[in-house]
Amino acid sequence: MIVIRNAVIDDLPPLLDIYNYAILNLTATFELEEQTLEQQMECFDDKYPLIVAEEEGNVIGYSCLNPFNKKAAFAQTAELSIYIAPNHQGKGIGKKLMKAILELAKQMNFHTVIGGITGGNEASIYLHKNFGFVHAGTLKEVGYKFWEWQEVHYYQLIFESS
């Protein structure tokens, strides 16, 4: 059974393994060099949630919100990230994480959530659209990874005011 819960410090090593795999093998992140535990520590921030998917005591994926832009007027807008361990992709874990992180975003009074998706990642586009995200624009040739220029499609979800 998959459990979604808040991340704790002891989750850092598996989070780092998942993220470093993405750095070395995917265009889902534009980081080019593996990260350290100290760098991964920066994910823990009271204003921005970090959750994990756990199965049989093992962290198999995670999701977090990060600042979309550090300027003060963007304080109620967050950027969403979801990373799944390679041997657990395609099993619905991203959907569970997306549902949970969006519920947290609403509870924390974020107004807008942005997903930046590298071109060619149709599974991520499909996931975002299923949760009501709409395409807000595409930036062409903004990242250079794996010896070619990458584009980023931005998807946006605006929460209705209550």
C-alpha atoms as a PDB file:
ATOM      1  CA  MET A   1       0.000   0.000   0.000  1.00  0.00           C
ATOM      2  CA  ILE A   2       1.250   3.464  -0.879  1.00  0.00           C
ATOM      3  CA  VAL A   3       1.205   6.056   1.895  1.00  0.00           C
ATOM      4  CA  ILE A   4       1.516   9.790   1.206  1.00  0.00           C
ATOM      5  CA  ARG A   5       2.978  11.721   4.139  1.00  0.00           C
ATOM      6  CA  ASN A   6       5.024  14.778   5.020  1.00  0.00           C
ATOM      7  CA  ALA A   7       8.736  14.307   4.463  1.00  0.00           C
ATOM      8  CA  VAL A   8      11.101  14.044   7.422  1.00  0.00           C
ATOM      9  CA  ILE A   9      14.858  14.529   7.624  1.00  0.00           C
ATOM     10  CA  ASP A  10      15.446  10.757   7.434  1.00  0.00           C
ATOM     11  CA  ASP A  11      13.878  10.823   3.949  1.00  0.00           C
ATOM     12  CA  LEU A  12      16.754  12.886   2.558  1.00  0.00           C
ATOM     13  CA  PRO A  13      18.921  10.005   1.258  1.00  0.00           C
ATOM     14  CA  PRO A  14      16.161   8.394  -0.849  1.00  0.00           C
ATOM     15  CA  LEU A  15      14.940  11.822  -2.018  1.00  0.00           C
ATOM     16  CA  LEU A  16      18.471  12.594  -3.106  1.00  0.00           C
ATOM     17  CA  ASP A  17      18.771   9.262  -4.941  1.00  0.00           C
ATOM     18  CA  ILE A  18      15.532   9.914  -6.833  1.00  0.00           C
ATOM     19  CA  TYR A  19      16.531  13.461  -7.733  1.00  0.00           C
ATOM     20  CA  ASN A  20      20.069  12.553  -8.730  1.00  0.00           C
ATOM     21  CA  TYR A  21      18.705   9.826 -11.006  1.00  0.00           C
ATOM     22  CA  ALA A  22      16.560  12.504 -12.697  1.00  0.00           C
ATOM     23  CA  ILE A  23      19.573  14.807 -13.036  1.00  0.00           C
ATOM     24  CA  LEU A  24      21.668  12.148 -14.729  1.00  0.00           C
ATOM     25  CA  ASN A  25      18.994  10.537 -16.896  1.00  0.00           C
ATOM     26  CA  LEU A  26      16.030  12.841 -17.513  1.00  0.00           C
ATOM     27  CA  THR A  27      15.244  16.326 -18.726  1.00  0.00           C
ATOM     28  CA  ALA A  28      12.679  16.732 -15.920  1.00  0.00           C
ATOM     29  CA  THR A  29      15.229  18.919 -14.132  1.00  0.00           C
ATOM     30  CA  PHE A  30      17.752  21.266 -15.669  1.00  0.00           C
ATOM     31  CA  GLU A  31      20.316  20.572 -12.967  1.00  0.00           C
ATOM     32  CA  LEU A  32      23.425  19.180 -14.634  1.00  0.00           C
ATOM     33  CA  GLU A  33      25.391  17.888 -11.660  1.00  0.00           C
ATOM     34  CA  GLU A  34      24.347  15.543  -8.888  1.00  0.00           C
ATOM     35  CA  GLN A  35      23.232  17.259  -5.707  1.00  0.00           C
ATOM     36  CA  THR A  36      24.498  16.729  -2.163  1.00  0.00           C
ATOM     37  CA  LEU A  37      22.566  16.036   1.029  1.00  0.00           C
ATOM     38  CA  GLU A  38      23.207  19.634   2.087  1.00  0.00           C
ATOM     39  CA  GLN A  39      21.654  20.935  -1.126  1.00  0.00           C
ATOM     40  CA  GLN A  40      18.686  18.582  -0.742  1.00  0.00           C
ATOM     41  CA  MET A  41      18.178  19.964   2.785  1.00  0.00           C
ATOM     42  CA  GLU A  42      17.037  23.219   1.185  1.00  0.00           C
ATOM     43  CA  CYS A  43      13.791  21.434   0.240  1.00  0.00           C
ATOM     44  CA  PHE A  44      12.668  21.673   3.863  1.00  0.00           C
ATOM     45  CA  ASP A  45      10.875  24.996   4.192  1.00  0.00           C
ATOM     46  CA  ASP A  46       7.845  25.759   6.378  1.00  0.00           C
ATOM     47  CA  LYS A  47       6.217  27.861   3.668  1.00  0.00           C
ATOM     48  CA  TYR A  48       6.514  25.194   0.969  1.00  0.00           C
ATOM     49  CA  PRO A  49       5.381  21.594   1.584  1.00  0.00           C
ATOM     50  CA  LEU A  50       7.443  18.510   0.781  1.00  0.00           C
ATOM     51  CA  ILE A  51       5.636  15.163   0.760  1.00  0.00           C
ATOM     52  CA  VAL A  52       6.715  11.612  -0.020  1.00  0.00           C
ATOM     53  CA  ALA A  53       5.121   8.469  -1.371  1.00  0.00           C
ATOM     54  CA  GLU A  54       6.155   5.481   0.700  1.00  0.00           C
ATOM     55  CA  GLU A  55       5.623   1.790   0.030  1.00  0.00           C
ATOM     56  CA  GLU A  56       6.626  -0.889   2.535  1.00  0.00           C
ATOM     57  CA  GLY A  57       8.810   1.623   4.379  1.00  0.00           C
ATOM     58  CA  ASN A  58      10.619   2.798   1.229  1.00  0.00           C
ATOM     59  CA  VAL A  59      10.341   6.278  -0.248  1.00  0.00           C
ATOM     60  CA  ILE A  60       9.434   5.805  -3.924  1.00  0.00           C
ATOM     61  CA  GLY A  61       8.584   9.360  -4.930  1.00  0.00           C
ATOM     62  CA  TYR A  62       8.087  12.877  -3.716  1.00  0.00           C
ATOM     63  CA  SER A  63       6.436  16.165  -4.511  1.00  0.00           C
ATOM     64  CA  CYS A  64       7.093  19.683  -3.350  1.00  0.00           C
ATOM     65  CA  LEU A  65       6.129  23.266  -3.895  1.00  0.00           C
ATOM     66  CA  ASN A  66       8.802  25.899  -4.392  1.00  0.00           C
ATOM     67  CA  PRO A  67       8.779  29.641  -4.958  1.00  0.00           C
ATOM     68  CA  PHE A  68       7.820  30.432  -8.535  1.00  0.00           C
ATOM     69  CA  ASN A  69       9.621  33.740  -8.259  1.00  0.00           C
ATOM     70  CA  LYS A  70      11.276  35.275  -5.201  1.00  0.00           C
ATOM     71  CA  LYS A  71       9.774  38.736  -5.707  1.00  0.00           C
ATOM     72  CA  ALA A  72       7.174  39.553  -3.029  1.00  0.00           C
ATOM     73  CA  ALA A  73       4.193  39.893  -5.372  1.00  0.00           C
ATOM     74  CA  PHE A  74       4.558  36.215  -6.330  1.00  0.00           C
ATOM     75  CA  ALA A  75       4.167  34.987  -2.724  1.00  0.00           C
ATOM     76  CA  GLN A  76       0.868  33.197  -3.430  1.00  0.00           C
ATOM     77  CA  THR A  77       2.198  31.422  -6.527  1.00  0.00           C
ATOM     78  CA  ALA A  78       4.174  28.198  -6.241  1.00  0.00           C
ATOM     79  CA  GLU A  79       5.945  25.917  -8.666  1.00  0.00           C
ATOM     80  CA  LEU A  80       5.178  22.214  -8.422  1.00  0.00           C
ATOM     81  CA  SER A  81       7.661  19.343  -8.730  1.00  0.00           C
ATOM     82  CA  ILE A  82       7.038  15.600  -8.722  1.00  0.00           C
ATOM     83  CA  TYR A  83       9.761  12.957  -8.966  1.00  0.00           C
ATOM     84  CA  ILE A  84       9.212   9.200  -8.942  1.00  0.00           C
ATOM     85  CA  ALA A  85      11.838   6.475  -8.496  1.00  0.00           C
ATOM     86  CA  PRO A  86      12.556   4.924 -11.911  1.00  0.00           C
ATOM     87  CA  ASN A  87      11.240   1.464 -11.040  1.00  0.00           C
ATOM     88  CA  HIS A  88       7.936   2.921  -9.786  1.00  0.00           C
ATOM     89  CA  GLN A  89       7.021   5.207 -12.693  1.00  0.00           C
ATOM     90  CA  GLY A  90       3.755   4.588 -14.516  1.00  0.00           C
ATOM     91  CA  LYS A  91       2.004   3.102 -11.467  1.00  0.00           C
ATOM     92  CA  GLY A  92      -0.217   6.049 -10.483  1.00  0.00           C
ATOM     93  CA  ILE A  93       2.109   7.392  -7.795  1.00  0.00           C
ATOM     94  CA  GLY A  94       2.379  10.776  -9.498  1.00  0.00           C
ATOM     95  CA  LYS A  95      -1.410  11.065  -9.428  1.00  0.00           C
ATOM     96  CA  LYS A  96      -1.509  10.375  -5.679  1.00  0.00           C
ATOM     97  CA  LEU A  97       1.262  12.906  -5.030  1.00  0.00           C
ATOM     98  CA  MET A  98      -0.385  15.515  -7.277  1.00  0.00           C
ATOM     99  CA  LYS A  99      -3.700  15.188  -5.445  1.00  0.00           C
ATOM    100  CA  ALA A 100      -2.042  15.523  -2.029  1.00  0.00           C
ATOM    101  CA  ILE A 101       0.259  18.441  -2.920  1.00  0.00           C
ATOM    102  CA  LEU A 102      -2.619  20.401  -4.491  1.00  0.00           C
ATOM    103  CA  GLU A 103      -4.735  19.865  -1.377  1.00  0.00           C
ATOM    104  CA  LEU A 104      -1.858  21.266   0.696  1.00  0.00           C
ATOM    105  CA  ALA A 105      -1.475  24.200  -1.691  1.00  0.00           C
ATOM    106  CA  LYS A 106      -5.161  25.077  -1.197  1.00  0.00           C
ATOM    107  CA  GLN A 107      -4.895  24.726   2.590  1.00  0.00           C
ATOM    108  CA  MET A 108      -1.859  26.995   2.579  1.00  0.00           C
ATOM    109  CA  ASN A 109      -3.788  29.617   0.570  1.00  0.00           C
ATOM    110  CA  PHE A 110      -1.720  29.533  -2.583  1.00  0.00           C
ATOM    111  CA  HIS A 111      -3.654  31.139  -5.428  1.00  0.00           C
ATOM    112  CA  THR A 112      -1.774  29.687  -8.390  1.00  0.00           C
ATOM    113  CA  VAL A 113       0.344  26.587  -8.951  1.00  0.00           C
ATOM    114  CA  ILE A 114       2.687  26.397 -11.935  1.00  0.00           C
ATOM    115  CA  GLY A 115       4.083  23.270 -13.540  1.00  0.00           C
ATOM    116  CA  GLY A 116       7.093  23.647 -15.817  1.00  0.00           C
ATOM    117  CA  ILE A 117       7.288  20.587 -18.083  1.00  0.00           C
ATOM    118  CA  THR A 118      10.160  19.887 -20.440  1.00  0.00           C
ATOM    119  CA  GLY A 119       9.129  19.223 -24.029  1.00  0.00           C
ATOM    120  CA  GLY A 120       8.483  15.563 -24.778  1.00  0.00           C
ATOM    121  CA  ASN A 121       7.232  14.677 -21.288  1.00  0.00           C
ATOM    122  CA  GLU A 122       3.724  13.717 -22.398  1.00  0.00           C
ATOM    123  CA  ALA A 123       2.999  11.753 -19.201  1.00  0.00           C
ATOM    124  CA  SER A 124       3.535  14.882 -17.102  1.00  0.00           C
ATOM    125  CA  ILE A 125       1.418  17.007 -19.437  1.00  0.00           C
ATOM    126  CA  TYR A 126      -1.377  14.435 -19.218  1.00  0.00           C
ATOM    127  CA  LEU A 127      -1.141  14.361 -15.412  1.00  0.00           C
ATOM    128  CA  HIS A 128      -1.306  18.141 -15.121  1.00  0.00           C
ATOM    129  CA  LYS A 129      -4.262  18.425 -17.525  1.00  0.00           C
ATOM    130  CA  ASN A 130      -6.148  15.762 -15.552  1.00  0.00           C
ATOM    131  CA  PHE A 131      -5.921  17.999 -12.491  1.00  0.00           C
ATOM    132  CA  GLY A 132      -7.229  21.068 -14.310  1.00  0.00           C
ATOM    133  CA  PHE A 133      -3.965  22.738 -15.291  1.00  0.00           C
ATOM    134  CA  VAL A 134      -4.107  24.710 -18.534  1.00  0.00           C
ATOM    135  CA  HIS A 135      -1.268  25.506 -20.906  1.00  0.00           C
ATOM    136  CA  ALA A 136      -0.033  29.031 -20.179  1.00  0.00           C
ATOM    137  CA  GLY A 137       2.874  29.203 -22.617  1.00  0.00           C
ATOM    138  CA  THR A 138       6.017  27.616 -23.982  1.00  0.00           C
ATOM    139  CA  LEU A 139       9.570  28.880 -23.748  1.00  0.00           C
ATOM    140  CA  LYS A 140      11.697  27.499 -26.557  1.00  0.00           C
ATOM    141  CA  GLU A 141      15.387  26.625 -26.241  1.00  0.00           C
ATOM    142  CA  VAL A 142      15.756  27.757 -22.629  1.00  0.00           C
ATOM    143  CA  GLY A 143      17.764  24.816 -21.274  1.00  0.00           C
ATOM    144  CA  TYR A 144      20.692  22.949 -22.776  1.00  0.00           C
ATOM    145  CA  LYS A 145      20.869  19.363 -21.575  1.00  0.00           C
ATOM    146  CA  PHE A 146      21.975  16.094 -23.150  1.00  0.00           C
ATOM    147  CA  TRP A 147      23.567  18.018 -26.032  1.00  0.00           C
ATOM    148  CA  GLU A 148      20.405  19.673 -27.264  1.00  0.00           C
ATOM    149  CA  TRP A 149      18.216  22.656 -26.529  1.00  0.00           C
ATOM    150  CA  GLN A 150      15.137  21.937 -24.424  1.00  0.00           C
ATOM    151  CA  GLU A 151      11.844  23.792 -24.293  1.00  0.00           C
ATOM    152  CA  VAL A 152       9.604  24.208 -21.269  1.00  0.00           C
ATOM    153  CA  HIS A 153       5.805  24.160 -21.364  1.00  0.00           C
ATOM    154  CA  TYR A 154       4.211  26.036 -18.491  1.00  0.00           C
ATOM    155  CA  TYR A 155       0.920  24.779 -17.110  1.00  0.00           C
ATOM    156  CA  GLN A 156      -1.085  26.749 -14.579  1.00  0.00           C
ATOM    157  CA  LEU A 157      -3.799  25.945 -12.071  1.00  0.00           C
ATOM    158  CA  ILE A 158      -5.642  28.836 -10.452  1.00  0.00           C
ATOM    159  CA  PHE A 159      -7.650  28.041  -7.337  1.00  0.00           C
ATOM    160  CA  GLU A 160     -11.059  29.671  -7.211  1.00  0.00           C
ATOM    161  CA  SER A 161     -11.495  32.206  -4.430  1.00  0.00           C
ATOM    162  CA  SER A 162     -13.885  31.182  -1.704  1.00  0.00           C
END
